[in-house]
PDB file of N, CA and C in Angstrom:
ATOM      1  N   MET A   1     -66.489  28.167  32.006  1.00  0.00           N
ATOM      2  CA  MET A   1     -66.292  26.968  31.247  1.00  0.00           C
ATOM      3  C   MET A   1     -65.478  27.245  29.998  1.00  0.00           C
ATOM      4  N   TYR A   2     -65.704  28.364  29.377  1.00  0.00           N
ATOM      5  CA  TYR A   2     -64.955  28.753  28.200  1.00  0.00           C
ATOM      6  C   TYR A   2     -63.480  28.921  28.538  1.00  0.00           C
ATOM      7  N   ILE A   3     -63.200  29.484  29.684  1.00  0.00           N
ATOM      8  CA  ILE A   3     -61.823  29.721  30.127  1.00  0.00           C
ATOM      9  C   ILE A   3     -61.135  28.392  30.392  1.00  0.00           C
ATOM     10  N   GLU A   4     -61.828  27.442  31.008  1.00  0.00           N
ATOM     11  CA  GLU A   4     -61.242  26.127  31.272  1.00  0.00           C
ATOM     12  C   GLU A   4     -60.882  25.427  29.977  1.00  0.00           C
ATOM     13  N   ASN A   5     -61.766  25.457  28.988  1.00  0.00           N
ATOM     14  CA  ASN A   5     -61.477  24.825  27.694  1.00  0.00           C
ATOM     15  C   ASN A   5     -60.297  25.506  27.008  1.00  0.00           C
ATOM     16  N   SER A   6     -60.235  26.803  27.112  1.00  0.00           N
ATOM     17  CA  SER A   6     -59.156  27.565  26.488  1.00  0.00           C
ATOM     18  C   SER A   6     -57.818  27.204  27.117  1.00  0.00           C
ATOM     19  N   VAL A   7     -57.754  27.095  28.428  1.00  0.00           N
ATOM     20  CA  VAL A   7     -56.527  26.741  29.134  1.00  0.00           C
ATOM     21  C   VAL A   7     -56.134  25.314  28.790  1.00  0.00           C
ATOM     22  N   SER A   8     -57.107  24.432  28.733  1.00  0.00           N
ATOM     23  CA  SER A   8     -56.853  23.037  28.409  1.00  0.00           C
ATOM     24  C   SER A   8     -56.285  22.910  26.996  1.00  0.00           C
ATOM     25  N   MET A   9     -56.833  23.672  26.057  1.00  0.00           N
ATOM     26  CA  MET A   9     -56.353  23.622  24.682  1.00  0.00           C
ATOM     27  C   MET A   9     -54.955  24.218  24.571  1.00  0.00           C
ATOM     28  N   ASP A  10     -54.687  25.264  25.358  1.00  0.00           N
ATOM     29  CA  ASP A  10     -53.350  25.852  25.343  1.00  0.00           C
ATOM     30  C   ASP A  10     -52.320  24.841  25.837  1.00  0.00           C
ATOM     31  N   ASN A  11     -52.650  24.120  26.886  1.00  0.00           N
ATOM     32  CA  ASN A  11     -51.755  23.090  27.414  1.00  0.00           C
ATOM     33  C   ASN A  11     -51.537  21.983  26.377  1.00  0.00           C
ATOM     34  N   GLU A  12     -52.602  21.580  25.717  1.00  0.00           N
ATOM     35  CA  GLU A  12     -52.489  20.557  24.681  1.00  0.00           C
ATOM     36  C   GLU A  12     -51.618  21.051  23.534  1.00  0.00           C
ATOM     37  N   GLY A  13     -51.826  22.300  23.149  1.00  0.00           N
ATOM     38  CA  GLY A  13     -51.023  22.894  22.072  1.00  0.00           C
ATOM     39  C   GLY A  13     -49.564  22.972  22.456  1.00  0.00           C
ATOM     40  N   GLN A  14     -49.306  23.354  23.701  1.00  0.00           N
ATOM     41  CA  GLN A  14     -47.924  23.433  24.169  1.00  0.00           C
ATOM     42  C   GLN A  14     -47.286  22.048  24.199  1.00  0.00           C
ATOM     43  N   ASN A  15     -48.052  21.070  24.651  1.00  0.00           N
ATOM     44  CA  ASN A  15     -47.539  19.701  24.685  1.00  0.00           C
ATOM     45  C   ASN A  15     -47.234  19.206  23.272  1.00  0.00           C
ATOM     46  N   THR A  16     -48.121  19.508  22.345  1.00  0.00           N
ATOM     47  CA  THR A  16     -47.919  19.089  20.957  1.00  0.00           C
ATOM     48  C   THR A  16     -46.679  19.753  20.373  1.00  0.00           C
ATOM     49  N   VAL A  17     -46.523  21.038  20.635  1.00  0.00           N
ATOM     50  CA  VAL A  17     -45.348  21.764  20.135  1.00  0.00           C
ATOM     51  C   VAL A  17     -44.086  21.189  20.759  1.00  0.00           C
ATOM     52  N   HIS A  18     -44.130  20.905  22.050  1.00  0.00           N
ATOM     53  CA  HIS A  18     -42.965  20.336  22.735  1.00  0.00           C
ATOM     54  C   HIS A  18     -42.614  18.967  22.152  1.00  0.00           C
ATOM     55  N   GLU A  19     -43.617  18.127  21.944  1.00  0.00           N
ATOM     56  CA  GLU A  19     -43.378  16.804  21.354  1.00  0.00           C
ATOM     57  C   GLU A  19     -42.797  16.936  19.947  1.00  0.00           C
ATOM     58  N   LEU A  20     -43.327  17.861  19.185  1.00  0.00           N
ATOM     59  CA  LEU A  20     -42.843  18.090  17.827  1.00  0.00           C
ATOM     60  C   LEU A  20     -41.390  18.550  17.842  1.00  0.00           C
ATOM     61  N   LYS A  21     -41.059  19.466  18.747  1.00  0.00           N
ATOM     62  CA  LYS A  21     -39.681  19.939  18.864  1.00  0.00           C
ATOM     63  C   LYS A  21     -38.749  18.781  19.227  1.00  0.00           C
ATOM     64  N   THR A  22     -39.197  17.948  20.143  1.00  0.00           N
ATOM     65  CA  THR A  22     -38.393  16.803  20.564  1.00  0.00           C
ATOM     66  C   THR A  22     -38.147  15.852  19.397  1.00  0.00           C
ATOM     67  N   LYS A  23     -39.195  15.588  18.645  1.00  0.00           N
ATOM     68  CA  LYS A  23     -39.056  14.676  17.505  1.00  0.00           C
ATOM     69  C   LYS A  23     -38.155  15.271  16.428  1.00  0.00           C
ATOM     70  N   VAL A  24     -38.287  16.566  16.169  1.00  0.00           N
ATOM     71  CA  VAL A  24     -37.435  17.219  15.173  1.00  0.00           C
ATOM     72  C   VAL A  24     -35.979  17.174  15.633  1.00  0.00           C
ATOM     73  N   HIS A  25     -35.747  17.434  16.904  1.00  0.00           N
ATOM     74  CA  HIS A  25     -34.387  17.381  17.453  1.00  0.00           C
ATOM     75  C   HIS A  25     -33.800  15.975  17.295  1.00  0.00           C
ATOM     76  N   THR A  26     -34.608  14.961  17.608  1.00  0.00           N
ATOM     77  CA  THR A  26     -34.160  13.570  17.463  1.00  0.00           C
ATOM     78  C   THR A  26     -33.837  13.264  16.007  1.00  0.00           C
ATOM     79  N   LEU A  27     -34.682  13.701  15.094  1.00  0.00           N
ATOM     80  CA  LEU A  27     -34.439  13.484  13.666  1.00  0.00           C
ATOM     81  C   LEU A  27     -33.153  14.168  13.204  1.00  0.00           C
ATOM     82  N   MET A  28     -32.906  15.367  13.712  1.00  0.00           N
ATOM     83  CA  MET A  28     -31.691  16.084  13.337  1.00  0.00           C
ATOM     84  C   MET A  28     -30.455  15.342  13.839  1.00  0.00           C
ATOM     85  N   GLN A  29     -30.525  14.804  15.053  1.00  0.00           N
ATOM     86  CA  GLN A  29     -29.407  14.043  15.591  1.00  0.00           C
ATOM     87  C   GLN A  29     -29.163  12.777  14.760  1.00  0.00           C
ATOM     88  N   LEU A  30     -30.237  12.092  14.398  1.00  0.00           N
ATOM     89  CA  LEU A  30     -30.112  10.896  13.564  1.00  0.00           C
ATOM     90  C   LEU A  30     -29.513  11.244  12.208  1.00  0.00           C
ATOM     91  N   HIS A  31     -29.965  12.344  11.645  1.00  0.00           N
ATOM     92  CA  HIS A  31     -29.455  12.780  10.349  1.00  0.00           C
ATOM     93  C   HIS A  31     -27.943  13.017  10.415  1.00  0.00           C
ATOM     94  N   GLU A  32     -27.486  13.725  11.434  1.00  0.00           N
ATOM     95  CA  GLU A  32     -26.054  13.990  11.591  1.00  0.00           C
ATOM     96  C   GLU A  32     -25.281  12.690  11.793  1.00  0.00           C
ATOM     97  N   SER A  33     -25.844  11.803  12.570  1.00  0.00           N
ATOM     98  CA  SER A  33     -25.201  10.518  12.812  1.00  0.00           C
ATOM     99  C   SER A  33     -25.059   9.723  11.517  1.00  0.00           C
ATOM    100  N   TYR A  34     -26.115   9.695  10.721  1.00  0.00           N
ATOM    101  CA  TYR A  34     -26.083   8.955   9.458  1.00  0.00           C
ATOM    102  C   TYR A  34     -25.159   9.623   8.444  1.00  0.00           C
ATOM    103  N   LYS A  35     -25.091  10.944   8.463  1.00  0.00           N
ATOM    104  CA  LYS A  35     -24.162  11.642   7.579  1.00  0.00           C
ATOM    105  C   LYS A  35     -22.724  11.252   7.916  1.00  0.00           C
ATOM    106  N   SER A  36     -22.422  11.232   9.194  1.00  0.00           N
ATOM    107  CA  SER A  36     -21.080  10.871   9.645  1.00  0.00           C
ATOM    108  C   SER A  36     -20.757   9.424   9.255  1.00  0.00           C
ATOM    109  N   GLU A  37     -21.706   8.543   9.473  1.00  0.00           N
ATOM    110  CA  GLU A  37     -21.503   7.136   9.112  1.00  0.00           C
ATOM    111  C   GLU A  37     -21.314   6.994   7.607  1.00  0.00           C
ATOM    112  N   ASN A  38     -22.057   7.750   6.837  1.00  0.00           N
ATOM    113  CA  ASN A  38     -21.949   7.710   5.381  1.00  0.00           C
ATOM    114  C   ASN A  38     -20.553   8.131   4.929  1.00  0.00           C
ATOM    115  N   VAL A  39     -20.024   9.181   5.539  1.00  0.00           N
ATOM    116  CA  VAL A  39     -18.675   9.637   5.200  1.00  0.00           C
ATOM    117  C   VAL A  39     -17.661   8.544   5.513  1.00  0.00           C
ATOM    118  N   GLN A  40     -17.789   7.925   6.671  1.00  0.00           N
ATOM    119  CA  GLN A  40     -16.865   6.856   7.059  1.00  0.00           C
ATOM    120  C   GLN A  40     -16.956   5.686   6.087  1.00  0.00           C
ATOM    121  N   LEU A  41     -18.166   5.312   5.699  1.00  0.00           N
ATOM    122  CA  LEU A  41     -18.341   4.198   4.776  1.00  0.00           C
ATOM    123  C   LEU A  41     -17.780   4.514   3.395  1.00  0.00           C
ATOM    124  N   ARG A  42     -17.924   5.748   2.957  1.00  0.00           N
ATOM    125  CA  ARG A  42     -17.359   6.138   1.661  1.00  0.00           C
ATOM    126  C   ARG A  42     -15.828   6.076   1.697  1.00  0.00           C
ATOM    127  N   GLU A  43     -15.248   6.529   2.803  1.00  0.00           N
ATOM    128  CA  GLU A  43     -13.792   6.473   2.941  1.00  0.00           C
ATOM    129  C   GLU A  43     -13.314   5.023   2.954  1.00  0.00           C
ATOM    130  N   GLU A  44     -14.009   4.183   3.678  1.00  0.00           N
ATOM    131  CA  GLU A  44     -13.651   2.761   3.734  1.00  0.00           C
ATOM    132  C   GLU A  44     -13.796   2.127   2.352  1.00  0.00           C
ATOM    133  N   ASN A  45     -14.839   2.509   1.637  1.00  0.00           N
ATOM    134  CA  ASN A  45     -15.063   1.987   0.290  1.00  0.00           C
ATOM    135  C   ASN A  45     -13.899   2.361  -0.624  1.00  0.00           C
ATOM    136  N   GLN A  46     -13.453   3.612  -0.560  1.00  0.00           N
ATOM    137  CA  GLN A  46     -12.322   4.041  -1.385  1.00  0.00           C
ATOM    138  C   GLN A  46     -11.056   3.271  -1.013  1.00  0.00           C
ATOM    139  N   LYS A  47     -10.847   3.088   0.274  1.00  0.00           N
ATOM    140  CA  LYS A  47      -9.671   2.349   0.734  1.00  0.00           C
ATOM    141  C   LYS A  47      -9.706   0.917   0.206  1.00  0.00           C
ATOM    142  N   LEU A  48     -10.861   0.293   0.280  1.00  0.00           N
ATOM    143  CA  LEU A  48     -10.992  -1.080  -0.195  1.00  0.00           C
ATOM    144  C   LEU A  48     -10.832  -1.172  -1.710  1.00  0.00           C
ATOM    145  N   LYS A  49     -11.296  -0.167  -2.422  1.00  0.00           N
ATOM    146  CA  LYS A  49     -11.108  -0.151  -3.875  1.00  0.00           C
ATOM    147  C   LYS A  49      -9.629  -0.069  -4.227  1.00  0.00           C
ATOM    148  N   LYS A  50      -8.888   0.775  -3.493  1.00  0.00           N
ATOM    149  CA  LYS A  50      -7.446   0.888  -3.728  1.00  0.00           C
ATOM    150  C   LYS A  50      -6.746  -0.433  -3.429  1.00  0.00           C
ATOM    151  N   GLU A  51      -7.126  -1.058  -2.328  1.00  0.00           N
ATOM    152  CA  GLU A  51      -6.549  -2.355  -1.967  1.00  0.00           C
ATOM    153  C   GLU A  51      -6.819  -3.389  -3.049  1.00  0.00           C
ATOM    154  N   LEU A  52      -8.055  -3.413  -3.527  1.00  0.00           N
ATOM    155  CA  LEU A  52      -8.431  -4.358  -4.573  1.00  0.00           C
ATOM    156  C   LEU A  52      -7.607  -4.122  -5.829  1.00  0.00           C
ATOM    157  N   GLN A  53      -7.423  -2.873  -6.208  1.00  0.00           N
ATOM    158  CA  GLN A  53      -6.630  -2.560  -7.400  1.00  0.00           C
ATOM    159  C   GLN A  53      -5.189  -3.020  -7.217  1.00  0.00           C
ATOM    160  N   GLN A  54      -4.645  -2.810  -6.018  1.00  0.00           N
ATOM    161  CA  GLN A  54      -3.278  -3.251  -5.745  1.00  0.00           C
ATOM    162  C   GLN A  54      -3.170  -4.767  -5.849  1.00  0.00           C
ATOM    163  N   LYS A  55      -4.154  -5.465  -5.319  1.00  0.00           N
ATOM    164  CA  LYS A  55      -4.137  -6.930  -5.378  1.00  0.00           C
ATOM    165  C   LYS A  55      -4.282  -7.418  -6.814  1.00  0.00           C
ATOM    166  N   GLU A  56      -5.118  -6.739  -7.597  1.00  0.00           N
ATOM    167  CA  GLU A  56      -5.272  -7.124  -8.997  1.00  0.00           C
ATOM    168  C   GLU A  56      -3.969  -6.892  -9.763  1.00  0.00           C
ATOM    169  N   ASP A  57      -3.300  -5.772  -9.482  1.00  0.00           N
ATOM    170  CA  ASP A  57      -2.010  -5.499 -10.116  1.00  0.00           C
ATOM    171  C   ASP A  57      -0.981  -6.555  -9.714  1.00  0.00           C
ATOM    172  N   GLU A  58      -0.999  -6.908  -8.448  1.00  0.00           N
ATOM    173  CA  GLU A  58      -0.081  -7.930  -7.950  1.00  0.00           C
ATOM    174  C   GLU A  58      -0.357  -9.274  -8.633  1.00  0.00           C
ATOM    175  N   LEU A  59      -1.625  -9.601  -8.805  1.00  0.00           N
ATOM    176  CA  LEU A  59      -2.008 -10.840  -9.470  1.00  0.00           C
ATOM    177  C   LEU A  59      -1.509 -10.863 -10.906  1.00  0.00           C
ATOM    178  N   VAL A  60      -1.675  -9.742 -11.619  1.00  0.00           N
ATOM    179  CA  VAL A  60      -1.204  -9.668 -13.003  1.00  0.00           C
ATOM    180  C   VAL A  60       0.311  -9.879 -13.045  1.00  0.00           C
ATOM    181  N   GLY A  61       1.020  -9.257 -12.107  1.00  0.00           N
ATOM    182  CA  GLY A  61       2.470  -9.428 -12.038  1.00  0.00           C
ATOM    183  C   GLY A  61       2.859 -10.875 -11.780  1.00  0.00           C
ATOM    184  N   CYS A  62       2.145 -11.513 -10.876  1.00  0.00           N
ATOM    185  CA  CYS A  62       2.430 -12.921 -10.562  1.00  0.00           C
ATOM    186  C   CYS A  62       2.122 -13.816 -11.764  1.00  0.00           C
ATOM    187  N   GLN A  63       1.039 -13.523 -12.461  1.00  0.00           N
ATOM    188  CA  GLN A  63       0.705 -14.310 -13.652  1.00  0.00           C
ATOM    189  C   GLN A  63       1.782 -14.151 -14.723  1.00  0.00           C
ATOM    190  N   GLN A  64       2.292 -12.947 -14.863  1.00  0.00           N
ATOM    191  CA  GLN A  64       3.359 -12.709 -15.845  1.00  0.00           C
ATOM    192  C   GLN A  64       4.621 -13.459 -15.446  1.00  0.00           C
ATOM    193  N   LYS A  65       4.963 -13.422 -14.157  1.00  0.00           N
ATOM    194  CA  LYS A  65       6.138 -14.168 -13.682  1.00  0.00           C
ATOM    195  C   LYS A  65       5.974 -15.657 -13.934  1.00  0.00           C
ATOM    196  N   LEU A  66       4.778 -16.161 -13.660  1.00  0.00           N
ATOM    197  CA  LEU A  66       4.515 -17.582 -13.890  1.00  0.00           C
ATOM    198  C   LEU A  66       4.676 -17.921 -15.368  1.00  0.00           C
ATOM    199  N   SER A  67       4.145 -17.086 -16.211  1.00  0.00           N
ATOM    200  CA  SER A  67       4.261 -17.311 -17.649  1.00  0.00           C
ATOM    201  C   SER A  67       5.729 -17.308 -18.077  1.00  0.00           C
ATOM    202  N   ASN A  68       6.490 -16.356 -17.553  1.00  0.00           N
ATOM    203  CA  ASN A  68       7.915 -16.287 -17.883  1.00  0.00           C
ATOM    204  C   ASN A  68       8.662 -17.519 -17.386  1.00  0.00           C
ATOM    205  N   MET A  69       8.313 -17.974 -16.189  1.00  0.00           N
ATOM    206  CA  MET A  69       8.961 -19.163 -15.645  1.00  0.00           C
ATOM    207  C   MET A  69       8.608 -20.399 -16.456  1.00  0.00           C
ATOM    208  N   GLU A  70       7.356 -20.505 -16.875  1.00  0.00           N
ATOM    209  CA  GLU A  70       6.950 -21.637 -17.704  1.00  0.00           C
ATOM    210  C   GLU A  70       7.692 -21.608 -19.038  1.00  0.00           C
ATOM    211  N   LEU A  71       7.856 -20.424 -19.600  1.00  0.00           N
ATOM    212  CA  LEU A  71       8.582 -20.283 -20.854  1.00  0.00           C
ATOM    213  C   LEU A  71      10.041 -20.674 -20.662  1.00  0.00           C
ATOM    214  N   ALA A  72      10.647 -20.193 -19.572  1.00  0.00           N
ATOM    215  CA  ALA A  72      12.038 -20.531 -19.298  1.00  0.00           C
ATOM    216  C   ALA A  72      12.201 -22.033 -19.105  1.00  0.00           C
ATOM    217  N   LYS A  73      11.252 -22.632 -18.416  1.00  0.00           N
ATOM    218  CA  LYS A  73      11.300 -24.076 -18.201  1.00  0.00           C
ATOM    219  C   LYS A  73      11.153 -24.818 -19.528  1.00  0.00           C
ATOM    220  N   ALA A  74      10.251 -24.334 -20.361  1.00  0.00           N
ATOM    221  CA  ALA A  74      10.044 -24.985 -21.654  1.00  0.00           C
ATOM    222  C   ALA A  74      11.281 -24.832 -22.529  1.00  0.00           C
ATOM    223  N   LEU A  75      11.919 -23.670 -22.477  1.00  0.00           N
ATOM    224  CA  LEU A  75      13.119 -23.462 -23.278  1.00  0.00           C
ATOM    225  C   LEU A  75      14.280 -24.314 -22.762  1.00  0.00           C
ATOM    226  N   ALA A  76      14.329 -24.524 -21.463  1.00  0.00           N
ATOM    227  CA  ALA A  76      15.405 -25.310 -20.869  1.00  0.00           C
ATOM    228  C   ALA A  76      15.251 -26.794 -21.184  1.00  0.00           C
ATOM    229  N   SER A  77      14.068 -27.212 -21.417  1.00  0.00           N
ATOM    230  CA  SER A  77      13.813 -28.619 -21.685  1.00  0.00           C
ATOM    231  C   SER A  77      13.912 -28.871 -23.184  1.00  0.00           C
ATOM    232  N   ALA A  78      14.855 -29.688 -23.582  1.00  0.00           N
ATOM    233  CA  ALA A  78      15.084 -29.967 -25.005  1.00  0.00           C
ATOM    234  C   ALA A  78      13.942 -30.785 -25.596  1.00  0.00           C
ATOM    235  N   GLU A  79      13.293 -31.584 -24.800  1.00  0.00           N
ATOM    236  CA  GLU A  79      12.253 -32.459 -25.326  1.00  0.00           C
ATOM    237  C   GLU A  79      10.931 -31.753 -25.566  1.00  0.00           C
ATOM    238  N   SER A  80      10.778 -30.545 -25.078  1.00  0.00           N
ATOM    239  CA  SER A  80       9.508 -29.848 -25.269  1.00  0.00           C
ATOM    240  C   SER A  80       9.681 -28.635 -26.184  1.00  0.00           C
ATOM    241  N   ASN A  81      10.407 -28.809 -27.261  1.00  0.00           N
ATOM    242  CA  ASN A  81      10.605 -27.718 -28.217  1.00  0.00           C
ATOM    243  C   ASN A  81       9.284 -27.241 -28.799  1.00  0.00           C
ATOM    244  N   HIS A  82       8.382 -28.153 -29.010  1.00  0.00           N
ATOM    245  CA  HIS A  82       7.087 -27.790 -29.573  1.00  0.00           C
ATOM    246  C   HIS A  82       6.344 -26.840 -28.623  1.00  0.00           C
ATOM    247  N   ASP A  83       6.341 -27.163 -27.323  1.00  0.00           N
ATOM    248  CA  ASP A  83       5.695 -26.289 -26.332  1.00  0.00           C
ATOM    249  C   ASP A  83       6.357 -24.915 -26.298  1.00  0.00           C
ATOM    250  N   ALA A  84       7.680 -24.907 -26.397  1.00  0.00           N
ATOM    251  CA  ALA A  84       8.406 -23.638 -26.380  1.00  0.00           C
ATOM    252  C   ALA A  84       8.024 -22.787 -27.585  1.00  0.00           C
ATOM    253  N   LYS A  85       7.938 -23.407 -28.741  1.00  0.00           N
ATOM    254  CA  LYS A  85       7.561 -22.665 -29.950  1.00  0.00           C
ATOM    255  C   LYS A  85       6.153 -22.097 -29.814  1.00  0.00           C
ATOM    256  N   ILE A  86       5.251 -22.884 -29.272  1.00  0.00           N
ATOM    257  CA  ILE A  86       3.872 -22.420 -29.075  1.00  0.00           C
ATOM    258  C   ILE A  86       3.851 -21.213 -28.140  1.00  0.00           C
ATOM    259  N   LYS A  87       4.592 -21.296 -27.043  1.00  0.00           N
ATOM    260  CA  LYS A  87       4.606 -20.190 -26.082  1.00  0.00           C
ATOM    261  C   LYS A  87       5.274 -18.951 -26.674  1.00  0.00           C
ATOM    262  N   ILE A  88       6.343 -19.150 -27.428  1.00  0.00           N
ATOM    263  CA  ILE A  88       7.011 -18.019 -28.060  1.00  0.00           C
ATOM    264  C   ILE A  88       6.070 -17.364 -29.065  1.00  0.00           C
ATOM    265  N   ASN A  89       5.372 -18.162 -29.839  1.00  0.00           N
ATOM    266  CA  ASN A  89       4.408 -17.614 -30.797  1.00  0.00           C
ATOM    267  C   ASN A  89       3.305 -16.833 -30.084  1.00  0.00           C
ATOM    268  N   ARG A  90       2.847 -17.349 -28.946  1.00  0.00           N
ATOM    269  CA  ARG A  90       1.814 -16.658 -28.171  1.00  0.00           C
ATOM    270  C   ARG A  90       2.332 -15.307 -27.681  1.00  0.00           C
ATOM    271  N   ILE A  91       3.569 -15.282 -27.211  1.00  0.00           N
ATOM    272  CA  ILE A  91       4.160 -14.035 -26.724  1.00  0.00           C
ATOM    273  C   ILE A  91       4.341 -13.052 -27.876  1.00  0.00           C
ATOM    274  N   VAL A  92       4.770 -13.536 -29.025  1.00  0.00           N
ATOM    275  CA  VAL A  92       4.945 -12.664 -30.191  1.00  0.00           C
ATOM    276  C   VAL A  92       3.603 -12.075 -30.607  1.00  0.00           C
ATOM    277  N   ARG A  93       2.543 -12.878 -30.597  1.00  0.00           N
ATOM    278  CA  ARG A  93       1.214 -12.373 -30.939  1.00  0.00           C
ATOM    279  C   ARG A  93       0.768 -11.310 -29.930  1.00  0.00           C
ATOM    280  N   GLU A  94       1.055 -11.549 -28.650  1.00  0.00           N
ATOM    281  CA  GLU A  94       0.694 -10.574 -27.620  1.00  0.00           C
ATOM    282  C   GLU A  94       1.457  -9.265 -27.820  1.00  0.00           C
ATOM    283  N   ILE A  95       2.733  -9.361 -28.161  1.00  0.00           N
ATOM    284  CA  ILE A  95       3.539  -8.171 -28.425  1.00  0.00           C
ATOM    285  C   ILE A  95       2.984  -7.439 -29.642  1.00  0.00           C
ATOM    286  N   ASP A  96       2.651  -8.177 -30.692  1.00  0.00           N
ATOM    287  CA  ASP A  96       2.064  -7.553 -31.894  1.00  0.00           C
ATOM    288  C   ASP A  96       0.763  -6.844 -31.562  1.00  0.00           C
ATOM    289  N   ARG A  97      -0.051  -7.464 -30.724  1.00  0.00           N
ATOM    290  CA  ARG A  97      -1.316  -6.850 -30.333  1.00  0.00           C
ATOM    291  C   ARG A  97      -1.055  -5.560 -29.561  1.00  0.00           C
ATOM    292  N   CYS A  98      -0.065  -5.573 -28.675  1.00  0.00           N
ATOM    293  CA  CYS A  98       0.280  -4.367 -27.898  1.00  0.00           C
ATOM    294  C   CYS A  98       0.788  -3.254 -28.817  1.00  0.00           C
ATOM    295  N   ILE A  99       1.592  -3.618 -29.777  1.00  0.00           N
ATOM    296  CA  ILE A  99       2.109  -2.619 -30.733  1.00  0.00           C
ATOM    297  C   ILE A  99       0.962  -2.032 -31.531  1.00  0.00           C
ATOM    298  N   ALA A 100       0.017  -2.881 -31.954  1.00  0.00           N
ATOM    299  CA  ALA A 100      -1.139  -2.392 -32.709  1.00  0.00           C
ATOM    300  C   ALA A 100      -1.956  -1.429 -31.858  1.00  0.00           C
ATOM    301  N   LEU A 101      -2.119  -1.717 -30.569  1.00  0.00           N
ATOM    302  CA  LEU A 101      -2.863  -0.813 -29.691  1.00  0.00           C
ATOM    303  C   LEU A 101      -2.133   0.515 -29.515  1.00  0.00           C
ATOM    304  N   LEU A 102      -0.816   0.454 -29.457  1.00  0.00           N
ATOM    305  CA  LEU A 102      -0.038   1.685 -29.297  1.00  0.00           C
ATOM    306  C   LEU A 102      -0.104   2.543 -30.558  1.00  0.00           C
ATOM    307  N   ASN A 103      -0.231   1.908 -31.714  1.00  0.00           N
ATOM    308  CA  ASN A 103      -0.280   2.639 -32.986  1.00  0.00           C
ATOM    309  C   ASN A 103      -1.624   3.302 -33.237  1.00  0.00           C
ATOM    310  N   LYS A 104      -2.635   2.940 -32.465  1.00  0.00           N
ATOM    311  CA  LYS A 104      -3.966   3.522 -32.674  1.00  0.00           C
ATOM    312  C   LYS A 104      -4.000   4.957 -32.254  1.00  0.00           C
TER     313      LYS A 104
END
């Protein structure tokens, strides 16, 4: 009877060890898979950040062009001298602010 219990426990121990090995192997595979996915997501994130920066730069350029066109239109129109003066003053203030930042 002692021998039967001993054999039974050995089989149970072997089964437990086998199950544990299987679970550890599965966890290792999941870990590698998630590491790979993480790398891909980080690369995509960097790519999207660069795209966003390019779009923001493009937007700033378009806003500047629009401002220049509005100024040109205001200067071309004789009846809106007041608007032209306001826009010119705004541009001069912006230039002064930029010069002050450069002098710091």
